[in-house]
Amino acid sequence: MQRPSLSPRHVYTQPSGKPQDSNWDPQKVKDARGKLPEAFRAPWSELAMRRTCTCIYHFLVWSWYIFLNYYISQQGGDHRKSKIFLNGGQWKYLTFLNLLLQAIFYGVACMEDVLKRIKGERDIKFMSAFRDLLFTTLAFPISTFVFLSFWTLFLYDRELVYPKALDGIFPEWMNHAMHTTILPFSLVEVVLRPHCYPLRKKGLTLLAVASLAYISRVLWIYSETGTWVYPVFARLSPVGLTAFFSLSYIFSASIYILGEKLNHWKWGDIMQPRKKRK
């Protein structure tokens, strides 16, 4: 008896956008709701279009962050702005470090998009893994932390983090480019594609190392120059500073877990890390 043929529109596709292998079972990638992810049910042409749009999006955001970093690097010639960068340069500010981090991440994401179309998904597993690790442990938690902490302190007392005198130095659009648009870009990345989170212990450890490195730099700058990176630190006692830095990490860790939950909510279990067998 002859088996009925299936229309190409109904053939399941792998994440690479190619038709499935005979040994590949799509039932193994069902999410927590018992449904196949949309990427596994979409026609091949639709997946190709989606990947192209994702690549274009990454390129545009990467170009935006490159522009911001270049714009800031050209401000050293301005006498008023050069004073802000004394005693540690622009890289003493977490805001500018985050802009550099976002430029690196979106550059990696854009390159991964291009190589995936040229070489295929299997040949660039290392870059895909590095992209996911960079976003989940650093790019998303730090951008969200900068957004929330900056605007919380700004609304409470802007002199603690962004004195009014800076309004005459940095245009308003630049302030929002550094502290506002960073969050929407990160949220779009969460819903645009699934990201494979590492084991939570590993992810939080990497985030802790990054946080400790920045705190060490802040304390070193103070010990060498006698000035704090942010005015809010000057108003805190040693005990208050310890509490502030500790709570900042706890807040960052909470953001990391939030990102993990958002990824699971949007994409199900298909990108969750495998637990080691005991």
Protein backbone atom coordinates (compact mmCIF):
# COMPACT_ATOMS: atom_id res chain seq x y z
CA MET A 1 0.00 0.00 0.00
CA GLN A 2 1.42 3.39 -1.00
CA ARG A 3 2.06 5.94 1.77
CA PRO A 4 0.50 9.34 1.14
CA SER A 5 3.02 12.04 0.32
CA LEU A 6 3.33 15.08 2.52
CA SER A 7 3.37 18.62 1.20
CA PRO A 8 6.64 20.47 1.83
CA ARG A 9 4.63 22.94 3.84
CA HIS A 10 3.92 20.24 6.40
CA VAL A 11 7.40 18.80 6.68
CA TYR A 12 9.02 19.54 10.04
CA THR A 13 12.25 21.48 9.91
CA GLN A 14 15.22 21.53 12.23
CA PRO A 15 16.40 24.76 13.92
CA SER A 16 18.94 25.15 11.08
CA GLY A 17 16.04 25.61 8.67
CA LYS A 18 16.79 22.34 6.83
CA PRO A 19 14.43 19.37 6.50
CA GLN A 20 14.74 16.91 9.36
CA ASP A 21 16.96 13.83 9.26
CA SER A 22 15.27 10.46 9.32
CA ASN A 23 16.51 9.83 12.88
CA TRP A 24 15.49 13.23 14.20
CA ASP A 25 12.40 13.18 16.40
CA PRO A 26 10.62 16.53 16.82
CA GLN A 27 8.58 15.10 19.68
CA LYS A 28 11.68 15.34 21.87
CA VAL A 29 11.72 19.12 21.76
CA LYS A 30 8.17 19.81 22.91
CA ASP A 31 7.90 22.60 25.43
CA ALA A 32 6.27 22.49 28.85
CA ARG A 33 2.85 22.98 27.28
CA GLY A 34 3.27 19.85 25.15
CA LYS A 35 3.50 21.82 21.91
CA LEU A 36 6.26 22.05 19.38
CA PRO A 37 8.00 25.43 19.26
CA GLU A 38 6.84 27.63 16.40
CA ALA A 39 10.29 27.44 14.80
CA PHE A 40 9.81 23.67 14.34
CA ARG A 41 6.38 24.05 12.77
CA ALA A 42 7.09 26.93 10.40
CA PRO A 43 7.73 26.40 6.68
CA TRP A 44 11.33 26.51 5.52
CA SER A 45 10.83 29.78 3.59
CA GLU A 46 9.31 31.43 6.65
CA LEU A 47 12.28 30.36 8.79
CA ALA A 48 14.70 31.76 6.21
CA MET A 49 12.86 35.09 6.21
CA ARG A 50 12.84 35.17 10.00
CA ARG A 51 16.57 34.48 10.17
CA THR A 52 17.22 37.25 7.63
CA CYS A 53 15.18 39.75 9.64
CA THR A 54 17.00 38.71 12.82
CA CYS A 55 20.36 39.25 11.13
CA ILE A 56 19.31 42.70 9.90
CA TYR A 57 18.05 43.61 13.38
CA HIS A 58 21.33 42.54 14.99
CA PHE A 59 23.31 44.52 12.43
CA LEU A 60 21.27 47.68 13.02
CA VAL A 61 21.54 47.47 16.81
CA TRP A 62 25.25 46.67 16.57
CA SER A 63 25.74 49.74 14.33
CA TRP A 64 23.85 51.86 16.86
CA TYR A 65 26.11 50.78 19.72
CA ILE A 66 29.21 51.27 17.58
CA PHE A 67 28.04 54.82 16.88
CA LEU A 68 27.43 55.51 20.59
CA ASN A 69 30.88 54.22 21.59
CA TYR A 70 32.50 56.26 18.82
CA TYR A 71 30.55 59.39 19.78
CA ILE A 72 31.63 59.10 23.41
CA SER A 73 35.26 58.44 22.48
CA GLN A 74 35.34 61.75 20.58
CA GLN A 75 34.29 63.81 23.59
CA GLY A 76 37.74 63.90 25.19
CA GLY A 77 38.59 67.09 23.28
CA ASP A 78 35.78 69.00 25.01
CA HIS A 79 37.21 70.64 28.14
CA ARG A 80 33.96 70.29 30.11
CA LYS A 81 33.50 66.65 29.18
CA SER A 82 37.15 65.76 29.73
CA LYS A 83 36.74 66.63 33.42
CA ILE A 84 34.13 63.90 33.76
CA PHE A 85 36.63 61.32 32.50
CA LEU A 86 39.41 62.28 34.93
CA ASN A 87 40.67 59.69 37.43
CA GLY A 88 39.86 56.52 35.57
CA GLY A 89 38.64 57.65 32.14
CA GLN A 90 35.27 56.80 30.67
CA TRP A 91 35.65 53.12 31.56
CA LYS A 92 35.19 53.83 35.26
CA TYR A 93 31.45 54.21 34.60
CA LEU A 94 29.31 51.10 34.38
CA THR A 95 27.14 52.87 31.81
CA PHE A 96 29.99 53.12 29.29
CA LEU A 97 31.21 49.61 30.04
CA ASN A 98 27.69 48.37 29.31
CA LEU A 99 27.63 50.19 25.95
CA LEU A 100 30.89 48.46 25.02
CA LEU A 101 29.52 45.10 26.21
CA GLN A 102 26.36 45.52 24.11
CA ALA A 103 28.43 46.40 21.04
CA ILE A 104 30.49 43.24 21.52
CA PHE A 105 27.43 41.05 22.03
CA TYR A 106 25.49 42.33 19.01
CA GLY A 107 28.65 42.09 16.91
CA VAL A 108 28.99 38.42 17.90
CA ALA A 109 25.26 37.84 17.29
CA CYS A 110 25.44 39.41 13.84
CA MET A 111 28.53 37.38 12.91
CA GLU A 112 26.85 34.21 14.16
CA ASP A 113 23.80 34.95 12.01
CA VAL A 114 25.95 35.34 8.90
CA LEU A 115 28.12 32.27 9.54
CA LYS A 116 25.04 30.16 10.28
CA ARG A 117 23.71 30.91 6.80
CA ILE A 118 27.09 30.21 5.18
CA LYS A 119 28.43 27.21 7.10
CA GLY A 120 25.37 25.79 8.82
CA GLU A 121 24.46 25.49 12.46
CA ARG A 122 26.62 22.46 13.27
CA ASP A 123 29.88 24.15 12.21
CA ILE A 124 29.51 27.16 14.51
CA LYS A 125 28.37 25.56 17.75
CA PHE A 126 31.16 27.27 19.70
CA MET A 127 30.14 30.74 18.53
CA SER A 128 26.47 30.03 19.26
CA ALA A 129 27.38 28.84 22.75
CA PHE A 130 29.56 31.93 23.33
CA ARG A 131 26.75 34.21 22.10
CA ASP A 132 24.27 32.65 24.52
CA LEU A 133 26.72 32.73 27.44
CA LEU A 134 27.53 36.39 26.78
CA PHE A 135 23.87 37.41 26.63
CA THR A 136 22.53 35.36 29.52
CA THR A 137 25.27 36.06 32.07
CA LEU A 138 26.33 39.62 31.18
CA ALA A 139 24.50 41.51 28.41
CA PHE A 140 20.95 41.06 29.70
CA PRO A 141 21.60 41.32 33.48
CA ILE A 142 23.92 44.34 33.22
CA SER A 143 21.79 46.32 30.76
CA THR A 144 18.69 45.74 32.89
CA PHE A 145 20.61 46.61 36.07
CA VAL A 146 21.91 49.87 34.56
CA PHE A 147 18.40 50.85 33.43
CA LEU A 148 16.67 50.08 36.74
CA SER A 149 19.36 51.36 39.12
CA PHE A 150 19.99 54.57 37.16
CA TRP A 151 16.36 55.63 36.85
CA THR A 152 15.58 54.64 40.44
CA LEU A 153 18.37 56.86 41.78
CA PHE A 154 17.66 59.56 39.19
CA LEU A 155 14.01 59.85 40.24
CA TYR A 156 14.94 59.78 43.93
CA ASP A 157 17.77 62.33 43.74
CA ARG A 158 19.50 62.84 40.41
CA GLU A 159 22.52 64.43 42.09
CA LEU A 160 23.44 60.97 43.39
CA VAL A 161 24.07 59.56 39.93
CA TYR A 162 23.63 62.15 37.15
CA PRO A 163 24.04 65.76 38.40
CA LYS A 164 22.01 68.46 36.68
CA ALA A 165 25.25 70.05 35.44
CA LEU A 166 25.59 67.13 33.01
CA ASP A 167 22.51 68.29 31.11
CA GLY A 168 24.61 71.05 29.56
CA ILE A 169 27.33 68.57 28.59
CA PHE A 170 25.44 65.54 27.28
CA PRO A 171 22.31 66.10 25.15
CA GLU A 172 19.07 64.57 26.39
CA TRP A 173 18.99 62.02 23.57
CA MET A 174 22.39 60.75 24.69
CA ASN A 175 21.18 60.23 28.23
CA HIS A 176 18.28 58.11 26.97
CA ALA A 177 20.58 56.25 24.55
CA MET A 178 22.84 55.30 27.47
CA HIS A 179 20.19 54.56 30.09
CA THR A 180 16.78 53.95 28.47
CA THR A 181 16.93 52.22 25.09
CA ILE A 182 19.29 49.55 26.44
CA LEU A 183 16.40 47.71 28.11
CA PRO A 184 14.01 47.49 25.11
CA PHE A 185 16.85 46.14 22.96
CA SER A 186 17.56 43.42 25.52
CA LEU A 187 13.89 42.49 25.84
CA VAL A 188 13.51 42.25 22.06
CA GLU A 189 16.51 39.89 22.02
CA VAL A 190 14.79 37.69 24.63
CA VAL A 191 11.67 37.23 22.49
CA LEU A 192 13.47 37.21 19.14
CA ARG A 193 15.32 33.93 19.60
CA PRO A 194 15.83 31.29 22.30
CA HIS A 195 19.01 31.37 24.39
CA CYS A 196 20.58 28.38 26.08
CA TYR A 197 21.16 29.28 29.72
CA PRO A 198 24.05 27.63 31.56
CA LEU A 199 23.48 25.86 34.85
CA ARG A 200 22.32 28.50 37.31
CA LYS A 201 25.32 28.05 39.60
CA LYS A 202 27.70 28.64 36.70
CA GLY A 203 25.78 31.64 35.40
CA LEU A 204 25.57 33.35 38.78
CA THR A 205 29.26 32.64 39.40
CA LEU A 206 30.26 34.37 36.16
CA LEU A 207 28.01 37.31 37.03
CA ALA A 208 29.59 37.48 40.50
CA VAL A 209 33.11 37.54 39.00
CA ALA A 210 32.14 40.43 36.70
CA SER A 211 30.52 42.32 39.60
CA LEU A 212 33.54 41.79 41.84
CA ALA A 213 35.88 42.99 39.08
CA TYR A 214 33.95 46.25 38.69
CA ILE A 215 33.65 46.84 42.44
CA SER A 216 37.41 46.26 42.77
CA ARG A 217 38.04 48.88 40.08
CA VAL A 218 35.77 51.40 41.81
CA LEU A 219 37.57 50.89 45.13
CA TRP A 220 40.99 51.07 43.45
CA ILE A 221 40.13 54.39 41.77
CA TYR A 222 39.04 55.78 45.15
CA SER A 223 42.21 54.58 46.87
CA GLU A 224 44.39 56.19 44.17
CA THR A 225 42.52 59.46 43.65
CA GLY A 226 40.37 60.00 46.74
CA THR A 227 37.25 60.50 44.58
CA TRP A 228 34.32 58.20 44.05
CA VAL A 229 33.07 57.20 40.62
CA TYR A 230 29.48 58.07 41.57
CA PRO A 231 28.42 60.78 44.08
CA VAL A 232 26.14 58.31 45.88
CA PHE A 233 29.17 56.41 47.20
CA ALA A 234 30.50 59.50 48.99
CA ARG A 235 27.37 59.62 51.15
CA LEU A 236 27.71 56.06 52.41
CA SER A 237 29.72 54.76 55.34
CA PRO A 238 31.96 51.68 54.92
CA VAL A 239 29.12 49.54 56.26
CA GLY A 240 26.69 51.28 53.92
CA LEU A 241 29.00 50.66 50.95
CA THR A 242 29.26 46.98 51.83
CA ALA A 243 25.50 46.72 52.05
CA PHE A 244 25.06 48.68 48.79
CA PHE A 245 27.46 46.46 46.83
CA SER A 246 25.97 43.28 48.32
CA LEU A 247 22.41 44.32 47.51
CA SER A 248 23.51 45.34 44.02
CA TYR A 249 24.76 41.82 43.34
CA ILE A 250 21.60 40.27 44.79
CA PHE A 251 19.60 42.57 42.52
CA SER A 252 21.72 41.56 39.51
CA ALA A 253 21.30 37.87 40.38
CA SER A 254 17.53 38.39 40.56
CA ILE A 255 17.63 39.95 37.08
CA TYR A 256 19.60 36.93 35.83
CA ILE A 257 16.92 34.58 37.17
CA LEU A 258 14.22 36.81 35.66
CA GLY A 259 15.90 36.49 32.26
CA GLU A 260 15.99 32.73 32.67
CA LYS A 261 12.27 32.69 33.50
CA LEU A 262 11.42 34.94 30.54
CA ASN A 263 13.38 32.66 28.21
CA HIS A 264 11.50 29.64 29.57
CA TRP A 265 8.14 31.43 29.32
CA LYS A 266 8.72 32.33 25.69
CA TRP A 267 10.53 29.23 24.40
CA GLY A 268 9.67 26.44 26.83
CA ASP A 269 12.15 23.71 27.77
CA ILE A 270 13.95 23.39 24.43
CA MET A 271 16.91 25.59 25.46
CA GLN A 272 17.16 24.62 29.13
CA PRO A 273 20.49 23.19 30.36
CA ARG A 274 20.68 19.48 30.99
CA LYS A 275 21.23 18.52 34.58
CA LYS A 276 24.12 16.22 35.31
CA ARG A 277 23.19 12.75 36.36
CA LYS A 278 24.12 11.84 39.90
